[in-house]
Amino acid sequence: MDLQHLEGVASDLVNDSLAPSTKRVYAAGQRRYLEFCRAGNLNPFPLTEDQLCTFAAHLMEEGL
């Protein structure tokens, strides 16, 4: 069994199941998170619960 191959197939299935508009929204959120990490000199991965809460607070202060 080739787990790496199966992970690729699973990733393709998820990717193919998303509408283009959903992919754009997810990509925008990812960019926003990475910009937040860059501005705060934070390592974006692995995402911790504390970092997620801080990011959510940041978004709230931006009016989102």
C-alpha atoms as a PDB file:
ATOM      1  CA  MET A   1       0.000   0.000   0.000  1.00  0.00           C
ATOM      2  CA  ASP A   2       1.427   3.382  -1.042  1.00  0.00           C
ATOM      3  CA  LEU A   3       0.211   5.838   1.611  1.00  0.00           C
ATOM      4  CA  GLN A   4       1.863   8.809  -0.053  1.00  0.00           C
ATOM      5  CA  HIS A   5      -0.050   8.064  -3.260  1.00  0.00           C
ATOM      6  CA  LEU A   6      -3.323   7.665  -1.347  1.00  0.00           C
ATOM      7  CA  GLU A   7      -2.760  10.980   0.441  1.00  0.00           C
ATOM      8  CA  GLY A   8      -2.357  12.610  -2.974  1.00  0.00           C
ATOM      9  CA  VAL A   9      -5.567  10.986  -4.238  1.00  0.00           C
ATOM     10  CA  ALA A  10      -7.433  12.127  -1.107  1.00  0.00           C
ATOM     11  CA  SER A  11      -6.114  15.663  -1.539  1.00  0.00           C
ATOM     12  CA  ASP A  12      -7.255  15.671  -5.173  1.00  0.00           C
ATOM     13  CA  LEU A  13     -10.723  14.465  -4.165  1.00  0.00           C
ATOM     14  CA  VAL A  14     -11.102  17.275  -1.635  1.00  0.00           C
ATOM     15  CA  ASN A  15      -9.758  19.834  -4.097  1.00  0.00           C
ATOM     16  CA  ASP A  16     -12.110  18.665  -6.850  1.00  0.00           C
ATOM     17  CA  SER A  17     -15.102  18.811  -4.509  1.00  0.00           C
ATOM     18  CA  LEU A  18     -14.722  22.541  -3.803  1.00  0.00           C
ATOM     19  CA  ALA A  19     -16.309  25.230  -5.937  1.00  0.00           C
ATOM     20  CA  PRO A  20     -13.916  27.818  -7.412  1.00  0.00           C
ATOM     21  CA  SER A  21     -15.478  30.525  -5.238  1.00  0.00           C
ATOM     22  CA  THR A  22     -14.829  28.442  -2.110  1.00  0.00           C
ATOM     23  CA  LYS A  23     -11.209  27.948  -3.142  1.00  0.00           C
ATOM     24  CA  ARG A  24     -10.819  31.728  -3.564  1.00  0.00           C
ATOM     25  CA  VAL A  25     -12.294  32.435  -0.123  1.00  0.00           C
ATOM     26  CA  TYR A  26     -10.080  29.795   1.522  1.00  0.00           C
ATOM     27  CA  ALA A  27      -7.005  31.159  -0.264  1.00  0.00           C
ATOM     28  CA  ALA A  28      -7.817  34.703   0.874  1.00  0.00           C
ATOM     29  CA  GLY A  29      -8.120  33.519   4.473  1.00  0.00           C
ATOM     30  CA  GLN A  30      -4.848  31.645   4.231  1.00  0.00           C
ATOM     31  CA  ARG A  31      -3.081  34.716   2.814  1.00  0.00           C
ATOM     32  CA  ARG A  32      -4.513  36.871   5.609  1.00  0.00           C
ATOM     33  CA  TYR A  33      -3.293  34.390   8.244  1.00  0.00           C
ATOM     34  CA  LEU A  34       0.197  34.210   6.715  1.00  0.00           C
ATOM     35  CA  GLU A  35       0.380  38.035   6.564  1.00  0.00           C
ATOM     36  CA  PHE A  36      -0.648  38.153  10.238  1.00  0.00           C
ATOM     37  CA  CYS A  37       2.147  35.710  11.104  1.00  0.00           C
ATOM     38  CA  ARG A  38       4.718  37.657   9.075  1.00  0.00           C
ATOM     39  CA  ALA A  39       3.717  40.946  10.717  1.00  0.00           C
ATOM     40  CA  GLY A  40       3.926  39.405  14.180  1.00  0.00           C
ATOM     41  CA  ASN A  41       7.100  37.450  13.439  1.00  0.00           C
ATOM     42  CA  LEU A  42       5.227  34.211  14.232  1.00  0.00           C
ATOM     43  CA  ASN A  43       5.819  30.747  12.841  1.00  0.00           C
ATOM     44  CA  PRO A  44       2.538  29.913  11.057  1.00  0.00           C
ATOM     45  CA  PHE A  45       2.855  26.150  11.523  1.00  0.00           C
ATOM     46  CA  PRO A  46       1.980  24.264  13.529  1.00  0.00           C
ATOM     47  CA  LEU A  47      -1.026  26.412  14.324  1.00  0.00           C
ATOM     48  CA  THR A  48      -1.634  26.437  18.063  1.00  0.00           C
ATOM     49  CA  GLU A  49      -4.921  27.130  19.804  1.00  0.00           C
ATOM     50  CA  ASP A  50      -3.466  30.303  21.346  1.00  0.00           C
ATOM     51  CA  GLN A  51      -2.259  31.540  17.967  1.00  0.00           C
ATOM     52  CA  LEU A  52      -5.653  30.827  16.409  1.00  0.00           C
ATOM     53  CA  CYS A  53      -7.394  32.789  19.170  1.00  0.00           C
ATOM     54  CA  THR A  54      -4.967  35.694  18.704  1.00  0.00           C
ATOM     55  CA  PHE A  55      -5.606  35.657  14.957  1.00  0.00           C
ATOM     56  CA  ALA A  56      -9.375  35.640  15.587  1.00  0.00           C
ATOM     57  CA  ALA A  57      -8.972  38.659  17.896  1.00  0.00           C
ATOM     58  CA  HIS A  58      -6.958  40.385  15.173  1.00  0.00           C
ATOM     59  CA  LEU A  59      -9.723  39.754  12.634  1.00  0.00           C
ATOM     60  CA  MET A  60     -12.333  41.038  15.078  1.00  0.00           C
ATOM     61  CA  GLU A  61     -10.374  44.254  15.563  1.00  0.00           C
ATOM     62  CA  GLU A  62     -10.288  44.630  11.771  1.00  0.00           C
ATOM     63  CA  GLY A  63     -14.092  44.486  11.779  1.00  0.00           C
ATOM     64  CA  LEU A  64     -14.508  40.942  10.494  1.00  0.00           C
END
